[in-house]
């Protein structure tokens, strides 16, 4: 069992910044963030994963150049720095972690990000 603990989120004006953090209780294979806006499906935002050619980070096209995913491997933690936020970034953001031991998927409880003036 992997515990996934999120922090961050809140209300910010358009053009502002927020930082999300997610910590896993055990070593992970991949870790990142998804989001779900009202009436829409959950979508990938940014995810770090290990691959045969080394670690990689994938971003949704809609956040490239604005969001940055970083990680602290020793702490099993990832950080999502969100800059130049837009109203369409408003959603519940969920941390996702895939365990390195059994490749099971775990989700955080979700944190609300609201971009509004």
PDB file of N, CA and C in Angstrom:
ATOM      1  N   UNK A   1       0.843  -1.190   0.000  1.00  0.00           N
ATOM      2  CA  UNK A   1       0.000   0.000   0.000  1.00  0.00           C
ATOM      3  C   UNK A   1       0.881   1.244   0.000  1.00  0.00           C
ATOM      4  N   UNK A   2       0.536   2.192  -0.856  1.00  0.00           N
ATOM      5  CA  UNK A   2       1.277   3.453  -0.948  1.00  0.00           C
ATOM      6  C   UNK A   2       0.351   4.587  -0.544  1.00  0.00           C
ATOM      7  N   UNK A   3       0.791   5.387   0.387  1.00  0.00           N
ATOM      8  CA  UNK A   3       0.054   6.585   0.770  1.00  0.00           C
ATOM      9  C   UNK A   3       0.508   7.741  -0.108  1.00  0.00           C
ATOM     10  N   UNK A   4      -0.450   8.482  -0.629  1.00  0.00           N
ATOM     11  CA  UNK A   4      -0.158   9.629  -1.485  1.00  0.00           C
ATOM     12  C   UNK A   4      -0.746  10.868  -0.828  1.00  0.00           C
ATOM     13  N   UNK A   5       0.106  11.814  -0.498  1.00  0.00           N
ATOM     14  CA  UNK A   5      -0.328  13.010   0.232  1.00  0.00           C
ATOM     15  C   UNK A   5      -0.057  14.246  -0.610  1.00  0.00           C
ATOM     16  N   UNK A   6      -1.097  14.993  -0.883  1.00  0.00           N
ATOM     17  CA  UNK A   6      -1.004  16.199  -1.707  1.00  0.00           C
ATOM     18  C   UNK A   6      -1.041  17.451  -0.828  1.00  0.00           C
ATOM     19  N   UNK A   7      -0.462  18.515  -1.338  1.00  0.00           N
ATOM     20  CA  UNK A   7      -0.591  19.822  -0.700  1.00  0.00           C
ATOM     21  C   UNK A   7      -0.482  20.896  -1.769  1.00  0.00           C
ATOM     22  N   UNK A   8      -0.982  22.057  -1.438  1.00  0.00           N
ATOM     23  CA  UNK A   8      -0.995  23.170  -2.377  1.00  0.00           C
ATOM     24  C   UNK A   8      -2.391  23.396  -2.908  1.00  0.00           C
ATOM     25  N   UNK A   9      -2.503  24.142  -3.969  1.00  0.00           N
ATOM     26  CA  UNK A   9      -3.791  24.474  -4.536  1.00  0.00           C
ATOM     27  C   UNK A   9      -4.348  25.740  -3.907  1.00  0.00           C
ATOM     28  N   UNK A  10      -5.508  26.147  -4.403  1.00  0.00           N
ATOM     29  CA  UNK A  10      -6.151  27.341  -3.881  1.00  0.00           C
ATOM     30  C   UNK A  10      -6.682  28.210  -4.989  1.00  0.00           C
ATOM     31  N   UNK A  11      -6.916  29.468  -4.635  1.00  0.00           N
ATOM     32  CA  UNK A  11      -7.482  30.449  -5.561  1.00  0.00           C
ATOM     33  C   UNK A  11      -6.396  31.423  -5.994  1.00  0.00           C
ATOM     34  N   UNK A  12      -6.308  31.657  -7.285  1.00  0.00           N
ATOM     35  CA  UNK A  12      -5.300  32.578  -7.818  1.00  0.00           C
ATOM     36  C   UNK A  12      -5.885  33.336  -8.997  1.00  0.00           C
ATOM     37  N   UNK A  13      -5.396  34.529  -9.228  1.00  0.00           N
ATOM     38  CA  UNK A  13      -5.863  35.328 -10.354  1.00  0.00           C
ATOM     39  C   UNK A  13      -5.181  34.862 -11.647  1.00  0.00           C
ATOM     40  N   UNK A  14      -5.818  35.105 -12.773  1.00  0.00           N
ATOM     41  CA  UNK A  14      -5.186  34.759 -14.048  1.00  0.00           C
ATOM     42  C   UNK A  14      -3.801  35.387 -14.162  1.00  0.00           C
ATOM     43  N   UNK A  15      -2.861  34.595 -14.659  1.00  0.00           N
ATOM     44  CA  UNK A  15      -1.482  35.044 -14.754  1.00  0.00           C
ATOM     45  C   UNK A  15      -0.650  34.743 -13.527  1.00  0.00           C
ATOM     46  N   UNK A  16      -1.301  34.288 -12.480  1.00  0.00           N
ATOM     47  CA  UNK A  16      -0.607  33.988 -11.240  1.00  0.00           C
ATOM     48  C   UNK A  16       0.036  32.614 -11.226  1.00  0.00           C
ATOM     49  N   UNK A  17       0.581  32.258 -10.075  1.00  0.00           N
ATOM     50  CA  UNK A  17       1.305  30.992  -9.923  1.00  0.00           C
ATOM     51  C   UNK A  17       0.847  30.247  -8.681  1.00  0.00           C
ATOM     52  N   UNK A  18       0.953  28.940  -8.768  1.00  0.00           N
ATOM     53  CA  UNK A  18       0.712  28.062  -7.630  1.00  0.00           C
ATOM     54  C   UNK A  18       1.688  26.905  -7.704  1.00  0.00           C
ATOM     55  N   UNK A  19       1.919  26.283  -6.559  1.00  0.00           N
ATOM     56  CA  UNK A  19       2.793  25.115  -6.511  1.00  0.00           C
ATOM     57  C   UNK A  19       2.089  23.988  -5.777  1.00  0.00           C
ATOM     58  N   UNK A  20       2.043  22.829  -6.419  1.00  0.00           N
ATOM     59  CA  UNK A  20       1.476  21.635  -5.819  1.00  0.00           C
ATOM     60  C   UNK A  20       2.592  20.671  -5.441  1.00  0.00           C
ATOM     61  N   UNK A  21       2.400  19.983  -4.332  1.00  0.00           N
ATOM     62  CA  UNK A  21       3.367  18.973  -3.906  1.00  0.00           C
ATOM     63  C   UNK A  21       2.652  17.650  -3.695  1.00  0.00           C
ATOM     64  N   UNK A  22       3.367  16.578  -3.941  1.00  0.00           N
ATOM     65  CA  UNK A  22       2.802  15.252  -3.721  1.00  0.00           C
ATOM     66  C   UNK A  22       3.906  14.339  -3.214  1.00  0.00           C
ATOM     67  N   UNK A  23       3.650  13.707  -2.078  1.00  0.00           N
ATOM     68  CA  UNK A  23       4.624  12.808  -1.478  1.00  0.00           C
ATOM     69  C   UNK A  23       4.046  11.398  -1.402  1.00  0.00           C
ATOM     70  N   UNK A  24       4.862  10.427  -1.786  1.00  0.00           N
ATOM     71  CA  UNK A  24       4.465   9.019  -1.690  1.00  0.00           C
ATOM     72  C   UNK A  24       5.234   8.358  -0.557  1.00  0.00           C
ATOM     73  N   UNK A  25       4.598   7.368   0.052  1.00  0.00           N
ATOM     74  CA  UNK A  25       5.199   6.744   1.225  1.00  0.00           C
ATOM     75  C   UNK A  25       6.237   5.679   0.864  1.00  0.00           C
ATOM     76  N   UNK A  26       6.267   5.286  -0.415  1.00  0.00           N
ATOM     77  CA  UNK A  26       7.214   4.272  -0.857  1.00  0.00           C
ATOM     78  C   UNK A  26       7.781   4.636  -2.216  1.00  0.00           C
ATOM     79  N   UNK A  27       8.806   3.922  -2.607  1.00  0.00           N
ATOM     80  CA  UNK A  27       9.451   4.186  -3.889  1.00  0.00           C
ATOM     81  C   UNK A  27       8.465   3.978  -5.033  1.00  0.00           C
ATOM     82  N   UNK A  28       8.487   4.906  -5.957  1.00  0.00           N
ATOM     83  CA  UNK A  28       7.532   4.857  -7.054  1.00  0.00           C
ATOM     84  C   UNK A  28       8.217   4.672  -8.395  1.00  0.00           C
ATOM     85  N   UNK A  29       7.419   4.113  -9.333  1.00  0.00           N
ATOM     86  CA  UNK A  29       7.881   3.944 -10.707  1.00  0.00           C
ATOM     87  C   UNK A  29       7.553   5.193 -11.514  1.00  0.00           C
ATOM     88  N   UNK A  30       6.382   5.710 -11.316  1.00  0.00           N
ATOM     89  CA  UNK A  30       5.993   6.953 -11.974  1.00  0.00           C
ATOM     90  C   UNK A  30       5.126   7.766 -11.021  1.00  0.00           C
ATOM     91  N   UNK A  31       5.108   9.070 -11.257  1.00  0.00           N
ATOM     92  CA  UNK A  31       4.365   9.946 -10.359  1.00  0.00           C
ATOM     93  C   UNK A  31       4.073  11.246 -11.069  1.00  0.00           C
ATOM     94  N   UNK A  32       2.892  11.773 -10.870  1.00  0.00           N
ATOM     95  CA  UNK A  32       2.584  13.024 -11.526  1.00  0.00           C
ATOM     96  C   UNK A  32       1.204  13.510 -11.175  1.00  0.00           C
ATOM     97  N   UNK A  33       0.693  14.391 -12.018  1.00  0.00           N
ATOM     98  CA  UNK A  33      -0.569  15.053 -11.757  1.00  0.00           C
ATOM     99  C   UNK A  33      -1.539  14.907 -12.921  1.00  0.00           C
ATOM    100  N   UNK A  34      -2.789  14.692 -12.552  1.00  0.00           N
ATOM    101  CA  UNK A  34      -3.910  14.725 -13.473  1.00  0.00           C
ATOM    102  C   UNK A  34      -4.879  15.779 -12.960  1.00  0.00           C
ATOM    103  N   UNK A  35      -5.816  16.167 -13.804  1.00  0.00           N
ATOM    104  CA  UNK A  35      -6.828  17.121 -13.360  1.00  0.00           C
ATOM    105  C   UNK A  35      -8.170  16.800 -13.976  1.00  0.00           C
ATOM    106  N   UNK A  36      -9.210  17.237 -13.290  1.00  0.00           N
ATOM    107  CA  UNK A  36     -10.559  17.022 -13.775  1.00  0.00           C
ATOM    108  C   UNK A  36     -11.388  18.270 -13.534  1.00  0.00           C
ATOM    109  N   UNK A  37     -11.837  18.864 -14.611  1.00  0.00           N
ATOM    110  CA  UNK A  37     -12.707  20.031 -14.542  1.00  0.00           C
ATOM    111  C   UNK A  37     -14.157  19.558 -14.532  1.00  0.00           C
ATOM    112  N   UNK A  38     -15.063  20.379 -14.029  1.00  0.00           N
ATOM    113  CA  UNK A  38     -16.480  19.993 -13.993  1.00  0.00           C
ATOM    114  C   UNK A  38     -17.007  19.602 -15.369  1.00  0.00           C
ATOM    115  N   UNK A  39     -17.627  18.440 -15.441  1.00  0.00           N
ATOM    116  CA  UNK A  39     -18.206  17.980 -16.694  1.00  0.00           C
ATOM    117  C   UNK A  39     -17.226  17.419 -17.692  1.00  0.00           C
ATOM    118  N   UNK A  40     -15.975  17.299 -17.289  1.00  0.00           N
ATOM    119  CA  UNK A  40     -14.952  16.793 -18.208  1.00  0.00           C
ATOM    120  C   UNK A  40     -14.282  15.553 -17.633  1.00  0.00           C
ATOM    121  N   UNK A  41     -13.617  14.821 -18.498  1.00  0.00           N
ATOM    122  CA  UNK A  41     -12.876  13.648 -18.060  1.00  0.00           C
ATOM    123  C   UNK A  41     -11.558  14.053 -17.418  1.00  0.00           C
ATOM    124  N   UNK A  42     -11.067  13.165 -16.573  1.00  0.00           N
ATOM    125  CA  UNK A  42      -9.762  13.397 -15.967  1.00  0.00           C
ATOM    126  C   UNK A  42      -8.688  13.315 -17.055  1.00  0.00           C
ATOM    127  N   UNK A  43      -7.755  14.254 -17.005  1.00  0.00           N
ATOM    128  CA  UNK A  43      -6.714  14.295 -18.023  1.00  0.00           C
ATOM    129  C   UNK A  43      -5.335  14.439 -17.394  1.00  0.00           C
ATOM    130  N   UNK A  44      -4.351  13.955 -18.119  1.00  0.00           N
ATOM    131  CA  UNK A  44      -2.977  14.076 -17.662  1.00  0.00           C
ATOM    132  C   UNK A  44      -2.515  15.518 -17.740  1.00  0.00           C
ATOM    133  N   UNK A  45      -1.795  15.943 -16.710  1.00  0.00           N
ATOM    134  CA  UNK A  45      -1.175  17.271 -16.712  1.00  0.00           C
ATOM    135  C   UNK A  45       0.325  17.125 -16.925  1.00  0.00           C
ATOM    136  N   UNK A  46       0.967  16.391 -16.053  1.00  0.00           N
ATOM    137  CA  UNK A  46       2.406  16.165 -16.156  1.00  0.00           C
ATOM    138  C   UNK A  46       2.739  14.938 -15.327  1.00  0.00           C
ATOM    139  N   UNK A  47       3.607  14.100 -15.857  1.00  0.00           N
ATOM    140  CA  UNK A  47       3.968  12.890 -15.138  1.00  0.00           C
ATOM    141  C   UNK A  47       5.419  12.547 -15.362  1.00  0.00           C
ATOM    142  N   UNK A  48       6.076  12.160 -14.295  1.00  0.00           N
ATOM    143  CA  UNK A  48       7.443  11.668 -14.348  1.00  0.00           C
ATOM    144  C   UNK A  48       7.400  10.148 -14.345  1.00  0.00           C
ATOM    145  N   UNK A  49       8.188   9.518 -15.194  1.00  0.00           N
ATOM    146  CA  UNK A  49       8.248   8.065 -15.182  1.00  0.00           C
ATOM    147  C   UNK A  49       9.645   7.589 -15.525  1.00  0.00           C
ATOM    148  N   UNK A  50       9.942   6.376 -15.076  1.00  0.00           N
ATOM    149  CA  UNK A  50      11.200   5.749 -15.416  1.00  0.00           C
ATOM    150  C   UNK A  50      11.010   4.922 -16.680  1.00  0.00           C
ATOM    151  N   UNK A  51      11.961   4.954 -17.543  1.00  0.00           N
ATOM    152  CA  UNK A  51      11.877   4.170 -18.759  1.00  0.00           C
ATOM    153  C   UNK A  51      13.177   3.455 -19.024  1.00  0.00           C
ATOM    154  N   UNK A  52      13.173   2.628 -20.068  1.00  0.00           N
ATOM    155  CA  UNK A  52      14.375   1.875 -20.414  1.00  0.00           C
ATOM    156  C   UNK A  52      15.539   2.800 -20.758  1.00  0.00           C
ATOM    157  N   UNK A  53      15.213   3.982 -21.294  1.00  0.00           N
ATOM    158  CA  UNK A  53      16.256   4.933 -21.679  1.00  0.00           C
ATOM    159  C   UNK A  53      16.481   5.996 -20.620  1.00  0.00           C
ATOM    160  N   UNK A  54      15.892   5.813 -19.449  1.00  0.00           N
ATOM    161  CA  UNK A  54      16.082   6.778 -18.391  1.00  0.00           C
ATOM    162  C   UNK A  54      14.787   7.484 -18.019  1.00  0.00           C
ATOM    163  N   UNK A  55      14.822   8.333 -17.000  1.00  0.00           N
ATOM    164  CA  UNK A  55      13.606   9.033 -16.561  1.00  0.00           C
ATOM    165  C   UNK A  55      13.142  10.053 -17.595  1.00  0.00           C
ATOM    166  N   UNK A  56      11.848  10.260 -17.625  1.00  0.00           N
ATOM    167  CA  UNK A  56      11.284  11.232 -18.556  1.00  0.00           C
ATOM    168  C   UNK A  56      10.092  11.912 -17.912  1.00  0.00           C
ATOM    169  N   UNK A  57       9.754  13.079 -18.443  1.00  0.00           N
ATOM    170  CA  UNK A  57       8.586  13.824 -17.995  1.00  0.00           C
ATOM    171  C   UNK A  57       7.713  14.122 -19.207  1.00  0.00           C
ATOM    172  N   UNK A  58       6.459  13.830 -19.094  1.00  0.00           N
ATOM    173  CA  UNK A  58       5.495  14.128 -20.152  1.00  0.00           C
ATOM    174  C   UNK A  58       4.536  15.209 -19.676  1.00  0.00           C
ATOM    175  N   UNK A  59       4.280  16.169 -20.541  1.00  0.00           N
ATOM    176  CA  UNK A  59       3.361  17.264 -20.244  1.00  0.00           C
ATOM    177  C   UNK A  59       2.203  17.256 -21.243  1.00  0.00           C
ATOM    178  N   UNK A  60       1.048  17.670 -20.767  1.00  0.00           N
ATOM    179  CA  UNK A  60      -0.049  17.931 -21.684  1.00  0.00           C
ATOM    180  C   UNK A  60       0.307  19.150 -22.535  1.00  0.00           C
ATOM    181  N   UNK A  61      -0.118  19.135 -23.771  1.00  0.00           N
ATOM    182  CA  UNK A  61       0.198  20.255 -24.663  1.00  0.00           C
ATOM    183  C   UNK A  61      -0.308  21.579 -24.091  1.00  0.00           C
ATOM    184  N   UNK A  62      -1.420  21.535 -23.405  1.00  0.00           N
ATOM    185  CA  UNK A  62      -2.036  22.757 -22.898  1.00  0.00           C
ATOM    186  C   UNK A  62      -1.239  23.420 -21.777  1.00  0.00           C
ATOM    187  N   UNK A  63      -0.293  22.702 -21.185  1.00  0.00           N
ATOM    188  CA  UNK A  63       0.468  23.286 -20.064  1.00  0.00           C
ATOM    189  C   UNK A  63       1.943  23.430 -20.378  1.00  0.00           C
ATOM    190  N   UNK A  64       2.378  22.957 -21.533  1.00  0.00           N
ATOM    191  CA  UNK A  64       3.796  23.058 -21.894  1.00  0.00           C
ATOM    192  C   UNK A  64       4.240  24.523 -21.904  1.00  0.00           C
ATOM    193  N   UNK A  65       5.382  24.766 -21.297  1.00  0.00           N
ATOM    194  CA  UNK A  65       5.910  26.122 -21.225  1.00  0.00           C
ATOM    195  C   UNK A  65       5.386  26.927 -20.046  1.00  0.00           C
ATOM    196  N   UNK A  66       4.357  26.419 -19.373  1.00  0.00           N
ATOM    197  CA  UNK A  66       3.788  27.131 -18.221  1.00  0.00           C
ATOM    198  C   UNK A  66       3.948  26.347 -16.917  1.00  0.00           C
ATOM    199  N   UNK A  67       3.852  25.033 -17.018  1.00  0.00           N
ATOM    200  CA  UNK A  67       3.955  24.178 -15.831  1.00  0.00           C
ATOM    201  C   UNK A  67       5.289  23.443 -15.857  1.00  0.00           C
ATOM    202  N   UNK A  68       5.845  23.232 -14.674  1.00  0.00           N
ATOM    203  CA  UNK A  68       7.110  22.505 -14.557  1.00  0.00           C
ATOM    204  C   UNK A  68       6.987  21.456 -13.456  1.00  0.00           C
ATOM    205  N   UNK A  69       7.286  20.225 -13.819  1.00  0.00           N
ATOM    206  CA  UNK A  69       7.271  19.128 -12.850  1.00  0.00           C
ATOM    207  C   UNK A  69       8.713  18.837 -12.434  1.00  0.00           C
ATOM    208  N   UNK A  70       8.932  18.796 -11.141  1.00  0.00           N
ATOM    209  CA  UNK A  70      10.255  18.448 -10.631  1.00  0.00           C
ATOM    210  C   UNK A  70      10.090  17.378  -9.559  1.00  0.00           C
ATOM    211  N   UNK A  71      11.204  16.763  -9.176  1.00  0.00           N
ATOM    212  CA  UNK A  71      11.103  15.666  -8.222  1.00  0.00           C
ATOM    213  C   UNK A  71      12.265  15.664  -7.250  1.00  0.00           C
ATOM    214  N   UNK A  72      11.972  15.130  -6.079  1.00  0.00           N
ATOM    215  CA  UNK A  72      12.993  14.862  -5.078  1.00  0.00           C
ATOM    216  C   UNK A  72      12.952  13.355  -4.862  1.00  0.00           C
ATOM    217  N   UNK A  73      13.861  12.655  -5.501  1.00  0.00           N
ATOM    218  CA  UNK A  73      13.830  11.201  -5.486  1.00  0.00           C
ATOM    219  C   UNK A  73      13.975  10.650  -4.078  1.00  0.00           C
ATOM    220  N   UNK A  74      14.840  11.257  -3.284  1.00  0.00           N
ATOM    221  CA  UNK A  74      15.078  10.763  -1.928  1.00  0.00           C
ATOM    222  C   UNK A  74      13.815  10.840  -1.069  1.00  0.00           C
ATOM    223  N   UNK A  75      12.951  11.805  -1.369  1.00  0.00           N
ATOM    224  CA  UNK A  75      11.724  12.000  -0.588  1.00  0.00           C
ATOM    225  C   UNK A  75      10.498  11.414  -1.271  1.00  0.00           C
ATOM    226  N   UNK A  76      10.688  10.776  -2.436  1.00  0.00           N
ATOM    227  CA  UNK A  76       9.535  10.254  -3.205  1.00  0.00           C
ATOM    228  C   UNK A  76       8.479  11.348  -3.394  1.00  0.00           C
ATOM    229  N   UNK A  77       8.935  12.522  -3.750  1.00  0.00           N
ATOM    230  CA  UNK A  77       8.055  13.685  -3.849  1.00  0.00           C
ATOM    231  C   UNK A  77       8.208  14.348  -5.217  1.00  0.00           C
ATOM    232  N   UNK A  78       7.081  14.792  -5.754  1.00  0.00           N
ATOM    233  CA  UNK A  78       7.116  15.601  -6.974  1.00  0.00           C
ATOM    234  C   UNK A  78       6.442  16.942  -6.699  1.00  0.00           C
ATOM    235  N   UNK A  79       6.875  17.929  -7.441  1.00  0.00           N
ATOM    236  CA  UNK A  79       6.353  19.280  -7.295  1.00  0.00           C
ATOM    237  C   UNK A  79       5.883  19.761  -8.672  1.00  0.00           C
ATOM    238  N   UNK A  80       4.727  20.379  -8.693  1.00  0.00           N
ATOM    239  CA  UNK A  80       4.207  20.945  -9.932  1.00  0.00           C
ATOM    240  C   UNK A  80       4.136  22.458  -9.765  1.00  0.00           C
ATOM    241  N   UNK A  81       5.048  23.149 -10.430  1.00  0.00           N
ATOM    242  CA  UNK A  81       5.044  24.604 -10.430  1.00  0.00           C
ATOM    243  C   UNK A  81       4.181  25.069 -11.591  1.00  0.00           C
ATOM    244  N   UNK A  82       3.138  25.800 -11.274  1.00  0.00           N
ATOM    245  CA  UNK A  82       2.190  26.249 -12.286  1.00  0.00           C
ATOM    246  C   UNK A  82       2.275  27.769 -12.412  1.00  0.00           C
ATOM    247  N   UNK A  83       2.731  28.234 -13.541  1.00  0.00           N
ATOM    248  CA  UNK A  83       2.865  29.665 -13.809  1.00  0.00           C
ATOM    249  C   UNK A  83       1.919  30.075 -14.936  1.00  0.00           C
ATOM    250  N   UNK A  84       1.722  31.372 -15.051  1.00  0.00           N
ATOM    251  CA  UNK A  84       0.860  31.920 -16.104  1.00  0.00           C
ATOM    252  C   UNK A  84      -0.480  31.185 -16.138  1.00  0.00           C
ATOM    253  N   UNK A  85      -1.069  31.025 -14.992  1.00  0.00           N
ATOM    254  CA  UNK A  85      -2.317  30.261 -14.900  1.00  0.00           C
ATOM    255  C   UNK A  85      -3.448  30.953 -15.638  1.00  0.00           C
ATOM    256  N   UNK A  86      -4.310  30.116 -16.208  1.00  0.00           N
ATOM    257  CA  UNK A  86      -5.454  30.599 -16.983  1.00  0.00           C
ATOM    258  C   UNK A  86      -6.741  30.071 -16.349  1.00  0.00           C
ATOM    259  N   UNK A  87      -7.846  30.715 -16.595  1.00  0.00           N
ATOM    260  CA  UNK A  87      -9.125  30.213 -16.049  1.00  0.00           C
ATOM    261  C   UNK A  87      -9.399  28.760 -16.449  1.00  0.00           C
ATOM    262  N   UNK A  88      -8.975  28.371 -17.635  1.00  0.00           N
ATOM    263  CA  UNK A  88      -9.202  26.997 -18.076  1.00  0.00           C
ATOM    264  C   UNK A  88      -8.340  25.970 -17.339  1.00  0.00           C
ATOM    265  N   UNK A  89      -7.437  26.428 -16.498  1.00  0.00           N
ATOM    266  CA  UNK A  89      -6.674  25.512 -15.648  1.00  0.00           C
ATOM    267  C   UNK A  89      -7.454  25.148 -14.384  1.00  0.00           C
ATOM    268  N   UNK A  90      -8.580  25.790 -14.182  1.00  0.00           N
ATOM    269  CA  UNK A  90      -9.413  25.496 -13.018  1.00  0.00           C
ATOM    270  C   UNK A  90      -9.883  24.051 -13.052  1.00  0.00           C
ATOM    271  N   UNK A  91      -9.610  23.321 -11.978  1.00  0.00           N
ATOM    272  CA  UNK A  91      -9.958  21.901 -11.906  1.00  0.00           C
ATOM    273  C   UNK A  91      -9.561  21.365 -10.538  1.00  0.00           C
ATOM    274  N   UNK A  92      -9.980  20.144 -10.278  1.00  0.00           N
ATOM    275  CA  UNK A  92      -9.422  19.404  -9.145  1.00  0.00           C
ATOM    276  C   UNK A  92      -8.204  18.656  -9.660  1.00  0.00           C
ATOM    277  N   UNK A  93      -7.102  18.853  -8.995  1.00  0.00           N
ATOM    278  CA  UNK A  93      -5.844  18.219  -9.405  1.00  0.00           C
ATOM    279  C   UNK A  93      -5.581  17.009  -8.510  1.00  0.00           C
ATOM    280  N   UNK A  94      -5.291  15.890  -9.156  1.00  0.00           N
ATOM    281  CA  UNK A  94      -5.065  14.637  -8.443  1.00  0.00           C
ATOM    282  C   UNK A  94      -3.631  14.156  -8.672  1.00  0.00           C
ATOM    283  N   UNK A  95      -2.991  13.775  -7.593  1.00  0.00           N
ATOM    284  CA  UNK A  95      -1.675  13.161  -7.707  1.00  0.00           C
ATOM    285  C   UNK A  95      -1.845  11.674  -7.995  1.00  0.00           C
ATOM    286  N   UNK A  96      -1.019  11.175  -8.878  1.00  0.00           N
ATOM    287  CA  UNK A  96      -1.053   9.766  -9.272  1.00  0.00           C
ATOM    288  C   UNK A  96       0.326   9.166  -9.048  1.00  0.00           C
ATOM    289  N   UNK A  97       0.357   8.000  -8.442  1.00  0.00           N
ATOM    290  CA  UNK A  97       1.636   7.321  -8.211  1.00  0.00           C
ATOM    291  C   UNK A  97       1.501   5.847  -8.559  1.00  0.00           C
ATOM    292  N   UNK A  98       2.495   5.331  -9.239  1.00  0.00           N
ATOM    293  CA  UNK A  98       2.559   3.905  -9.557  1.00  0.00           C
ATOM    294  C   UNK A  98       3.718   3.317  -8.769  1.00  0.00           C
ATOM    295  N   UNK A  99       3.389   2.334  -7.949  1.00  0.00           N
ATOM    296  CA  UNK A  99       4.390   1.736  -7.076  1.00  0.00           C
ATOM    297  C   UNK A  99       5.473   1.007  -7.875  1.00  0.00           C
ATOM    298  N   UNK A 100       6.722   1.145  -7.425  1.00  0.00           N
ATOM    299  CA  UNK A 100       7.837   0.453  -8.082  1.00  0.00           C
ATOM    300  C   UNK A 100       7.862  -1.025  -7.733  1.00  0.00           C
ATOM    301  N   UNK A 101       7.212  -1.411  -6.651  1.00  0.00           N
ATOM    302  CA  UNK A 101       7.284  -2.809  -6.211  1.00  0.00           C
ATOM    303  C   UNK A 101       6.234  -3.689  -6.880  1.00  0.00           C
ATOM    304  N   UNK A 102       5.025  -3.172  -7.066  1.00  0.00           N
ATOM    305  CA  UNK A 102       3.963  -3.993  -7.632  1.00  0.00           C
ATOM    306  C   UNK A 102       3.229  -3.324  -8.797  1.00  0.00           C
ATOM    307  N   UNK A 103       3.648  -2.108  -9.161  1.00  0.00           N
ATOM    308  CA  UNK A 103       3.078  -1.370 -10.292  1.00  0.00           C
ATOM    309  C   UNK A 103       1.581  -1.118 -10.154  1.00  0.00           C
ATOM    310  N   UNK A 104       1.120  -1.074  -8.913  1.00  0.00           N
ATOM    311  CA  UNK A 104      -0.262  -0.667  -8.676  1.00  0.00           C
ATOM    312  C   UNK A 104      -0.349   0.848  -8.691  1.00  0.00           C
ATOM    313  N   UNK A 105      -1.535   1.347  -9.051  1.00  0.00           N
ATOM    314  CA  UNK A 105      -1.759   2.788  -9.158  1.00  0.00           C
ATOM    315  C   UNK A 105      -2.475   3.309  -7.930  1.00  0.00           C
ATOM    316  N   UNK A 106      -1.994   4.428  -7.423  1.00  0.00           N
ATOM    317  CA  UNK A 106      -2.590   5.052  -6.255  1.00  0.00           C
ATOM    318  C   UNK A 106      -2.897   6.515  -6.575  1.00  0.00           C
ATOM    319  N   UNK A 107      -4.006   7.008  -5.991  1.00  0.00           N
ATOM    320  CA  UNK A 107      -4.433   8.387  -6.218  1.00  0.00           C
ATOM    321  C   UNK A 107      -4.501   9.156  -4.905  1.00  0.00           C
ATOM    322  N   UNK A 108      -4.199  10.448  -4.990  1.00  0.00           N
ATOM    323  CA  UNK A 108      -4.420  11.321  -3.865  1.00  0.00           C
ATOM    324  C   UNK A 108      -5.888  11.710  -3.789  1.00  0.00           C
ATOM    325  N   UNK A 109      -6.219  12.495  -2.774  1.00  0.00           N
ATOM    326  CA  UNK A 109      -7.622  12.854  -2.549  1.00  0.00           C
ATOM    327  C   UNK A 109      -8.084  13.996  -3.446  1.00  0.00           C
ATOM    328  N   UNK A 110      -7.129  14.666  -4.062  1.00  0.00           N
ATOM    329  CA  UNK A 110      -7.459  15.781  -4.949  1.00  0.00           C
ATOM    330  C   UNK A 110      -7.364  17.117  -4.233  1.00  0.00           C
ATOM    331  N   UNK A 111      -6.927  18.123  -4.971  1.00  0.00           N
ATOM    332  CA  UNK A 111      -6.842  19.474  -4.427  1.00  0.00           C
ATOM    333  C   UNK A 111      -7.375  20.454  -5.470  1.00  0.00           C
ATOM    334  N   UNK A 112      -8.179  21.400  -5.013  1.00  0.00           N
ATOM    335  CA  UNK A 112      -8.846  22.323  -5.924  1.00  0.00           C
ATOM    336  C   UNK A 112      -7.907  23.459  -6.322  1.00  0.00           C
ATOM    337  N   UNK A 113      -7.857  23.719  -7.604  1.00  0.00           N
ATOM    338  CA  UNK A 113      -7.151  24.885  -8.144  1.00  0.00           C
ATOM    339  C   UNK A 113      -8.188  25.715  -8.890  1.00  0.00           C
ATOM    340  N   UNK A 114      -8.348  26.963  -8.466  1.00  0.00           N
ATOM    341  CA  UNK A 114      -9.297  27.861  -9.093  1.00  0.00           C
ATOM    342  C   UNK A 114      -8.575  29.102  -9.584  1.00  0.00           C
ATOM    343  N   UNK A 115      -8.715  29.382 -10.866  1.00  0.00           N
ATOM    344  CA  UNK A 115      -8.084  30.557 -11.470  1.00  0.00           C
ATOM    345  C   UNK A 115      -9.202  31.508 -11.873  1.00  0.00           C
ATOM    346  N   UNK A 116      -9.296  32.605 -11.152  1.00  0.00           N
ATOM    347  CA  UNK A 116     -10.410  33.526 -11.376  1.00  0.00           C
ATOM    348  C   UNK A 116     -10.045  34.913 -10.871  1.00  0.00           C
ATOM    349  N   UNK A 117     -10.581  35.904 -11.551  1.00  0.00           N
ATOM    350  CA  UNK A 117     -10.367  37.283 -11.107  1.00  0.00           C
ATOM    351  C   UNK A 117     -11.512  37.727 -10.198  1.00  0.00           C
TER     352      UNK A 117
END
